Structures are given as C-alpha cells and as structure tokens.
C-alpha cells in the first residue's frame, strides 16, 4: 500500500503445485533486500524486485474473485529474520 493505494506486486499465477478445494497449501516468501521469491508447497513460483520501501510491516491477505461463500484460514505462520 503506497499513499493508501493497493498495488499487486505479482499478477495471479496458476500452478499445478497449488492445491485446490479444502486442501492445505504452504506459502513461503523469501525477502532479501528488494528481491522477493515466492514458493508454494516447496515449489518455486517466481521472483520480483521491489525497492519501494527500505523496510516496513508484514501482512498476510487473501481474497476470492468469485462471488461465493469462502473461508480462508492461516495457521503455523512463522517469521525468520536473517542478518
């Protein structure tokens, strides 16, 4: 979010590694400076470069693009800081 405006850093990706329905997925994001690498269920998806901020907060967010009832649960969230 910059000046109150949301910006997607990565367009939606389809991958056979992403479990559908009520199956569990494990998301990993590795941030090293302005380099962000995305993984799901142990499989690499993509990298991006974003130097908008030198530091900031972390948020986890999900949404559905379909107009149907949806429940999303996050658990076992872990954060590691690397020097």
Protein backbone atom coordinates (compact mmCIF):
# COMPACT_ATOMS: atom_id res chain seq x y z
CA UNK A 1 0.00 0.00 0.00
CA UNK A 2 1.50 3.31 -1.11
CA UNK A 3 -0.36 6.51 -0.23
CA UNK A 4 -3.48 4.45 0.51
CA UNK A 5 -3.42 2.66 -2.87
CA UNK A 6 -3.10 -1.12 -3.09
CA UNK A 7 -0.74 -2.46 -5.75
CA UNK A 8 -0.35 -6.12 -6.67
CA UNK A 9 3.34 -6.97 -6.81
CA UNK A 10 2.68 -10.21 -8.69
CA UNK A 11 -0.18 -10.96 -11.05
CA UNK A 12 -2.24 -14.01 -10.20
CA UNK A 13 -0.41 -17.21 -11.06
CA UNK A 14 -1.83 -20.62 -11.81
CA UNK A 15 0.33 -23.58 -10.87
CA UNK A 16 -0.23 -27.32 -10.62
CA UNK A 17 1.62 -27.06 -7.28
CA UNK A 18 -1.30 -25.13 -5.72
CA UNK A 19 -3.80 -27.43 -4.03
CA UNK A 20 -7.44 -26.59 -4.68
CA UNK A 21 -10.61 -27.03 -2.69
CA UNK A 22 -10.14 -27.59 1.03
CA UNK A 23 -6.57 -28.86 0.63
CA UNK A 24 -3.73 -27.26 2.58
CA UNK A 25 -1.07 -25.11 0.88
CA UNK A 26 2.24 -23.96 2.32
CA UNK A 27 3.31 -20.48 1.19
CA UNK A 28 6.89 -19.24 1.57
CA UNK A 29 8.13 -15.76 0.71
CA UNK A 30 11.85 -15.08 0.94
CA UNK A 31 12.76 -11.38 1.11
CA UNK A 32 16.39 -10.41 0.59
CA UNK A 33 16.71 -6.65 0.22
CA UNK A 34 14.44 -5.67 -2.65
CA UNK A 35 14.34 -9.24 -4.05
CA UNK A 36 11.25 -11.31 -3.18
CA UNK A 37 10.98 -15.01 -4.07
CA UNK A 38 7.67 -16.91 -3.87
CA UNK A 39 7.16 -20.63 -3.27
CA UNK A 40 4.12 -22.84 -2.71
CA UNK A 41 4.28 -26.36 -1.31
CA UNK A 42 8.06 -26.30 -1.75
CA UNK A 43 7.92 -25.39 -5.45
CA UNK A 44 9.42 -22.13 -6.75
CA UNK A 45 6.88 -19.84 -8.45
CA UNK A 46 8.54 -16.52 -9.26
CA UNK A 47 10.86 -13.67 -8.21
CA UNK A 48 10.18 -9.96 -8.21
CA UNK A 49 12.21 -6.86 -7.49
CA UNK A 50 10.53 -4.12 -5.44
CA UNK A 51 12.55 -1.33 -3.84
CA UNK A 52 9.54 0.85 -2.90
CA UNK A 53 10.39 0.66 0.81
CA UNK A 54 13.66 0.07 2.66
CA UNK A 55 11.68 -1.54 5.50
CA UNK A 56 8.11 -1.93 6.64
CA UNK A 57 5.45 -4.17 8.08
CA UNK A 58 4.31 -7.64 7.10
CA UNK A 59 0.72 -8.51 6.20
CA UNK A 60 -0.94 -11.70 5.04
CA UNK A 61 -4.09 -11.27 2.97
CA UNK A 62 -6.29 -13.40 0.74
CA UNK A 63 -9.38 -12.87 -1.35
CA UNK A 64 -11.61 -14.68 -3.79
CA UNK A 65 -12.51 -13.30 -7.19
CA UNK A 66 -15.66 -15.41 -7.22
CA UNK A 67 -18.92 -14.33 -5.58
CA UNK A 68 -19.31 -17.46 -3.45
CA UNK A 69 -19.01 -18.10 0.30
CA UNK A 70 -15.36 -18.67 1.18
CA UNK A 71 -13.40 -19.50 4.33
CA UNK A 72 -9.64 -18.97 4.43
CA UNK A 73 -7.56 -19.99 7.43
CA UNK A 74 -3.92 -19.21 8.16
CA UNK A 75 -2.05 -21.16 10.80
CA UNK A 76 1.52 -22.06 11.64
CA UNK A 77 2.70 -18.63 10.47
CA UNK A 78 6.44 -18.31 11.10
CA UNK A 79 8.82 -15.41 10.58
CA UNK A 80 12.59 -15.64 10.46
CA UNK A 81 14.93 -12.66 10.32
CA UNK A 82 18.25 -13.19 8.56
CA UNK A 83 21.27 -10.94 9.01
